[in-house]
N, C-alpha and C. Protein backbone atom coordinates (compact mmCIF):
# COMPACT_ATOMS: atom_id res chain seq x y z
N UNK A 1 -18.29 1.63 50.76
CA UNK A 1 -17.79 2.48 50.36
C UNK A 1 -15.79 2.26 49.50
N UNK A 2 -15.06 1.55 50.35
CA UNK A 2 -13.80 1.15 49.95
C UNK A 2 -13.98 0.09 48.95
N UNK A 3 -14.90 -0.60 48.82
CA UNK A 3 -14.62 -1.34 47.19
C UNK A 3 -14.90 -0.36 46.09
N UNK A 4 -15.81 0.98 46.26
CA UNK A 4 -15.70 1.51 45.04
C UNK A 4 -14.44 2.14 44.65
N UNK A 5 -13.91 2.84 45.98
CA UNK A 5 -12.62 3.26 45.52
C UNK A 5 -11.31 2.08 44.85
N UNK A 6 -11.42 0.83 45.19
CA UNK A 6 -10.65 0.46 44.84
C UNK A 6 -11.13 -0.29 43.81
N UNK A 7 -12.06 -0.36 43.12
CA UNK A 7 -12.57 -0.54 41.54
C UNK A 7 -12.32 0.65 40.86
N UNK A 8 -12.19 1.66 41.32
CA UNK A 8 -12.00 3.06 40.85
C UNK A 8 -10.83 3.58 39.92
N UNK A 9 -9.63 2.70 41.09
CA UNK A 9 -8.32 2.82 40.93
C UNK A 9 -7.67 1.62 40.27
N UNK A 10 -8.32 0.85 40.13
CA UNK A 10 -7.53 -0.78 39.27
C UNK A 10 -7.93 -0.51 37.80
N UNK A 11 -6.78 -0.42 37.12
CA UNK A 11 -6.74 0.03 35.81
C UNK A 11 -6.47 -1.28 34.97
N UNK A 12 -6.19 -2.34 35.64
CA UNK A 12 -5.70 -3.36 35.03
C UNK A 12 -6.99 -4.28 34.14
N UNK A 13 -8.12 -3.69 35.10
CA UNK A 13 -9.27 -4.56 34.30
C UNK A 13 -9.48 -3.77 32.79
N UNK A 14 -9.05 -2.27 32.95
CA UNK A 14 -9.95 -1.75 31.97
C UNK A 14 -8.98 -1.88 31.11
N UNK A 15 -7.42 -1.99 31.05
CA UNK A 15 -6.27 -2.39 29.88
C UNK A 15 -6.57 -3.69 29.51
N UNK A 16 -6.83 -4.65 30.23
CA UNK A 16 -7.43 -5.87 29.42
C UNK A 16 -8.48 -5.88 28.27
N UNK A 17 -9.85 -5.03 29.12
CA UNK A 17 -10.09 -5.14 28.41
C UNK A 17 -9.91 -3.94 26.58
N UNK A 18 -9.27 -3.27 27.09
CA UNK A 18 -8.67 -2.04 25.57
C UNK A 18 -8.01 -3.62 24.73
N UNK A 19 -7.42 -4.16 25.37
CA UNK A 19 -6.55 -4.92 24.27
C UNK A 19 -7.34 -5.97 23.75
N UNK A 20 -8.09 -6.41 24.11
CA UNK A 20 -9.27 -7.30 24.13
C UNK A 20 -9.51 -6.78 22.99
N UNK A 21 -10.22 -5.28 23.09
CA UNK A 21 -11.40 -5.03 21.99
C UNK A 21 -9.94 -4.79 20.86
N UNK A 22 -9.02 -4.14 20.92
CA UNK A 22 -8.01 -3.85 19.71
C UNK A 22 -7.57 -5.35 18.93
N UNK A 23 -7.29 -6.36 20.01
CA UNK A 23 -7.31 -8.07 19.26
C UNK A 23 -8.54 -8.04 18.64
N UNK A 24 -9.65 -7.94 19.06
CA UNK A 24 -10.92 -8.01 18.12
C UNK A 24 -10.77 -7.32 16.87
N UNK A 25 -10.70 -5.92 16.85
CA UNK A 25 -10.58 -5.48 15.61
C UNK A 25 -9.32 -5.69 14.81
N UNK A 26 -8.27 -6.08 15.30
CA UNK A 26 -7.70 -6.29 14.39
C UNK A 26 -7.59 -7.67 13.70
N UNK A 27 -8.31 -8.85 14.09
CA UNK A 27 -8.42 -10.02 13.85
C UNK A 27 -9.66 -10.00 12.62
N UNK A 28 -11.10 -8.84 12.80
CA UNK A 28 -12.16 -8.34 12.11
C UNK A 28 -11.35 -7.88 10.84
N UNK A 29 -10.03 -7.25 11.20
CA UNK A 29 -9.45 -6.60 9.96
C UNK A 29 -8.87 -7.49 8.56
N UNK A 30 -8.01 -8.23 9.52
CA UNK A 30 -7.71 -9.73 8.77
C UNK A 30 -8.51 -10.63 8.25
N UNK A 31 -9.32 -10.88 9.05
CA UNK A 31 -10.32 -11.83 8.23
C UNK A 31 -11.20 -11.55 6.94
N UNK A 32 -11.60 -9.80 7.13
CA UNK A 32 -12.37 -9.00 5.93
C UNK A 32 -11.33 -8.94 4.83
N UNK A 33 -9.94 -8.52 5.21
CA UNK A 33 -8.77 -8.64 3.92
C UNK A 33 -8.83 -10.16 3.12
N UNK A 34 -8.92 -11.05 4.20
CA UNK A 34 -8.62 -12.75 3.52
C UNK A 34 -9.63 -13.11 2.79
N UNK A 35 -10.84 -12.68 3.42
CA UNK A 35 -11.93 -12.99 2.83
C UNK A 35 -12.54 -12.12 1.24
N UNK A 36 -11.70 -10.64 1.15
CA UNK A 36 -11.99 -9.97 -0.13
C UNK A 36 -10.94 -10.77 -1.20
N UNK A 37 -9.83 -10.93 -0.56
CA UNK A 37 -8.88 -11.41 -1.82
C UNK A 37 -8.34 -12.62 -1.83
N UNK A 38 -9.73 -13.88 -0.86
CA UNK A 38 -9.25 -14.98 -1.82
C UNK A 38 -9.69 -15.49 -2.70
N UNK A 39 -10.84 -15.28 -3.01
CA UNK A 39 -10.92 -15.79 -4.55
C UNK A 39 -9.95 -15.02 -5.94
N UNK A 40 -9.21 -14.39 -5.41
CA UNK A 40 -7.94 -13.68 -6.26
C UNK A 40 -7.25 -14.50 -6.57
N UNK A 41 -6.63 -15.00 -4.95
CA UNK A 41 -5.88 -15.63 -4.67
C UNK A 41 -6.00 -17.17 -5.33
N UNK A 42 -7.40 -17.81 -4.89
CA UNK A 42 -7.55 -18.73 -5.88
C UNK A 42 -7.57 -18.68 -6.84
N UNK A 43 -8.23 -18.03 -7.96
CA UNK A 43 -7.89 -17.44 -9.12
C UNK A 43 -5.95 -17.57 -9.62
N UNK A 44 -5.58 -16.94 -9.09
CA UNK A 44 -4.09 -16.90 -9.24
C UNK A 44 -3.51 -18.62 -9.23
N UNK A 45 -3.73 -19.50 -8.30
CA UNK A 45 -3.22 -20.66 -8.02
C UNK A 45 -3.86 -21.35 -9.33
N UNK A 46 -5.08 -21.22 -9.45
CA UNK A 46 -5.65 -22.30 -10.75
C UNK A 46 -4.75 -21.53 -12.32
N UNK A 47 -4.67 -20.63 -12.48
CA UNK A 47 -3.74 -19.89 -13.74
C UNK A 47 -2.43 -20.56 -13.44
N UNK A 48 -1.71 -21.09 -12.51
CA UNK A 48 -0.27 -21.28 -12.08
C UNK A 48 -0.73 -22.48 -12.79
N UNK A 49 -1.42 -23.58 -11.69
CA UNK A 49 -1.69 -24.48 -11.87
C UNK A 49 -2.22 -24.92 -13.87
N UNK A 50 -3.07 -24.16 -14.34
CA UNK A 50 -2.96 -24.60 -15.67
C UNK A 50 -2.16 -24.43 -16.79
N UNK A 51 -1.18 -23.28 -16.01
CA UNK A 51 -0.13 -23.25 -16.88
C UNK A 51 1.02 -24.40 -17.08
N UNK A 52 1.12 -24.84 -15.99
CA UNK A 52 1.99 -25.64 -15.50
C UNK A 52 1.66 -26.88 -16.00
N UNK A 53 0.49 -27.57 -16.24
CA UNK A 53 -0.39 -28.41 -17.05
C UNK A 53 0.36 -28.20 -18.27
N UNK A 54 -0.40 -27.29 -19.24
CA UNK A 54 -0.26 -26.98 -20.00
C UNK A 54 1.16 -26.72 -20.66
N UNK A 55 2.45 -26.53 -19.88
CA UNK A 55 3.90 -26.87 -20.62
C UNK A 55 4.16 -28.22 -19.80
N UNK A 56 3.59 -29.02 -19.35
CA UNK A 56 4.01 -30.54 -19.24
C UNK A 56 3.50 -31.26 -20.13
N UNK A 57 2.72 -30.62 -20.66
CA UNK A 57 1.92 -31.85 -21.87
C UNK A 57 2.34 -31.35 -23.16
């Protein structure tokens, strides 16, 4: 019975799990955003590189 009271009053484990879930959701969001804009960023660098090559020639 004493173990159940201790577990019920222990809030550190729940807080750690909440922070872990929050970090996972943020990481998932960042990954999703970067993967969706990855090709756009790549196209921009290719365009800049092509323009620099054209000016240099």
